[in-house]
Amino acid sequence: MLAENVERILSQVRADGDSTLRALTRRFDGCELGSFRVSEDEFEAAEAQVSPALKQAITNAIERLVKFHEAGAPRGYALETAPGLNCERVIRPIERVGLYVPAGSAPLPS
């Protein structure tokens, strides 16, 4: 039920854009938003409310998370497997991927 409600809301927002976001904000948050854009002054005011200790804790958490995920990330490499034959593993993000897995007596991922 929850997933269906969320999908319905997302579909409404995709179809109607900001007008749906404004209506949902009125409904769920009980307020009218003039603009969705946050000004520099608003960012600065919000940051001023965050204590130095909390800012440092956030910075430390980010550093630990980055360190952990960098350690486990796959790495590219290059190797000459025969004279003049260079093979290389290149790591780069891709937007979409398709996968074909053949079936039969010995299914082998491709």
Protein backbone atom coordinates (compact mmCIF):
# COMPACT_ATOMS: atom_id res chain seq x y z
CA MET A 1 0.00 0.00 0.00
CA LEU A 2 2.79 2.45 0.92
CA ALA A 3 4.72 1.77 -2.31
CA GLU A 4 1.54 2.28 -4.34
CA ASN A 5 0.87 5.63 -2.62
CA VAL A 6 4.43 6.79 -3.23
CA GLU A 7 4.27 5.74 -6.88
CA ARG A 8 0.98 7.62 -7.29
CA ILE A 9 2.50 10.77 -5.82
CA LEU A 10 5.60 10.47 -8.00
CA SER A 11 3.43 10.00 -11.08
CA GLN A 12 1.43 13.12 -10.18
CA VAL A 13 4.61 15.16 -9.74
CA ARG A 14 6.04 13.88 -13.04
CA ALA A 15 2.82 14.79 -14.83
CA ASP A 16 2.05 18.16 -13.23
CA GLY A 17 5.37 19.39 -11.84
CA ASP A 18 5.52 22.31 -9.44
CA SER A 19 1.76 22.74 -9.13
CA THR A 20 1.51 19.24 -7.65
CA LEU A 21 4.48 19.90 -5.36
CA ARG A 22 2.78 23.06 -4.08
CA ALA A 23 -0.50 21.20 -3.46
CA LEU A 24 1.31 18.37 -1.64
CA THR A 25 3.25 20.86 0.47
CA ARG A 26 -0.01 22.53 1.48
CA ARG A 27 -1.56 19.13 2.25
CA PHE A 28 1.30 17.48 4.14
CA ASP A 29 3.21 20.45 5.59
CA GLY A 30 0.41 22.97 5.96
CA CYS A 31 2.29 25.82 4.33
CA GLU A 32 2.43 27.78 1.08
CA LEU A 33 5.76 28.04 -0.67
CA GLY A 34 6.37 31.07 -2.84
CA SER A 35 9.46 29.52 -4.39
CA PHE A 36 11.27 26.20 -4.27
CA ARG A 37 14.61 27.95 -4.72
CA VAL A 38 16.57 28.46 -1.51
CA SER A 39 18.37 31.81 -1.40
CA GLU A 40 21.95 32.35 -0.24
CA ASP A 41 20.60 34.22 2.78
CA GLU A 42 18.43 31.24 3.72
CA PHE A 43 21.40 28.88 3.38
CA GLU A 44 23.53 31.14 5.55
CA ALA A 45 20.78 31.46 8.18
CA ALA A 46 20.35 27.69 8.30
CA GLU A 47 24.10 27.11 8.57
CA ALA A 48 24.32 29.60 11.44
CA GLN A 49 21.94 27.37 13.42
CA VAL A 50 24.28 24.37 13.17
CA SER A 51 26.79 24.13 16.01
CA PRO A 52 30.51 23.85 15.23
CA ALA A 53 30.54 20.45 16.97
CA LEU A 54 27.78 19.13 14.70
CA LYS A 55 29.50 20.54 11.59
CA GLN A 56 32.70 18.74 12.62
CA ALA A 57 30.80 15.51 13.27
CA ILE A 58 29.25 15.71 9.78
CA THR A 59 32.66 16.38 8.20
CA ASN A 60 34.18 13.43 10.10
CA ALA A 61 31.36 11.13 9.03
CA ILE A 62 31.77 12.13 5.39
CA GLU A 63 35.53 11.51 5.55
CA ARG A 64 35.02 8.04 7.09
CA LEU A 65 32.40 7.09 4.51
CA VAL A 66 34.55 8.23 1.60
CA LYS A 67 37.59 6.38 3.00
CA PHE A 68 35.58 3.17 3.45
CA HIS A 69 34.05 3.20 -0.03
CA GLU A 70 37.28 4.20 -1.76
CA ALA A 71 39.02 1.21 -0.14
CA GLY A 72 36.41 -1.18 -1.52
CA ALA A 73 36.07 0.38 -4.96
CA PRO A 74 37.25 -1.64 -7.94
CA ARG A 75 40.46 -0.39 -9.51
CA GLY A 76 41.52 -0.22 -13.12
CA TYR A 77 44.75 -1.79 -14.27
CA ALA A 78 46.79 -2.40 -17.42
CA LEU A 79 48.79 -5.49 -18.20
CA GLU A 80 50.90 -6.66 -21.14
CA THR A 81 49.70 -10.26 -21.51
CA ALA A 82 52.00 -11.01 -24.47
CA PRO A 83 54.63 -8.93 -26.27
CA GLY A 84 52.78 -5.95 -27.71
CA LEU A 85 49.38 -7.13 -26.42
CA ASN A 86 48.09 -4.78 -23.76
CA CYS A 87 44.89 -5.46 -21.87
CA GLU A 88 43.30 -2.89 -19.64
CA ARG A 89 40.46 -2.74 -17.15
CA VAL A 90 38.85 0.68 -17.24
CA ILE A 91 36.42 1.67 -14.50
CA ARG A 92 33.88 4.30 -15.52
CA PRO A 93 30.26 4.89 -14.61
CA ILE A 94 27.59 4.06 -17.13
CA GLU A 95 24.09 5.47 -17.33
CA ARG A 96 22.29 2.26 -18.27
CA VAL A 97 23.17 -1.38 -18.67
CA GLY A 98 21.53 -4.43 -20.18
CA LEU A 99 22.25 -7.99 -19.20
CA TYR A 100 21.73 -11.13 -21.20
CA VAL A 101 21.94 -14.44 -19.35
CA PRO A 102 21.68 -17.38 -21.75
CA ALA A 103 19.75 -20.41 -20.58
CA GLY A 104 19.99 -24.04 -21.53
CA SER A 105 21.94 -26.94 -20.08
CA ALA A 106 24.72 -24.67 -18.78
CA PRO A 107 23.53 -21.08 -18.15
CA LEU A 108 26.49 -18.71 -18.37
CA PRO A 109 26.25 -15.01 -17.50
CA SER A 110 27.43 -12.88 -20.43
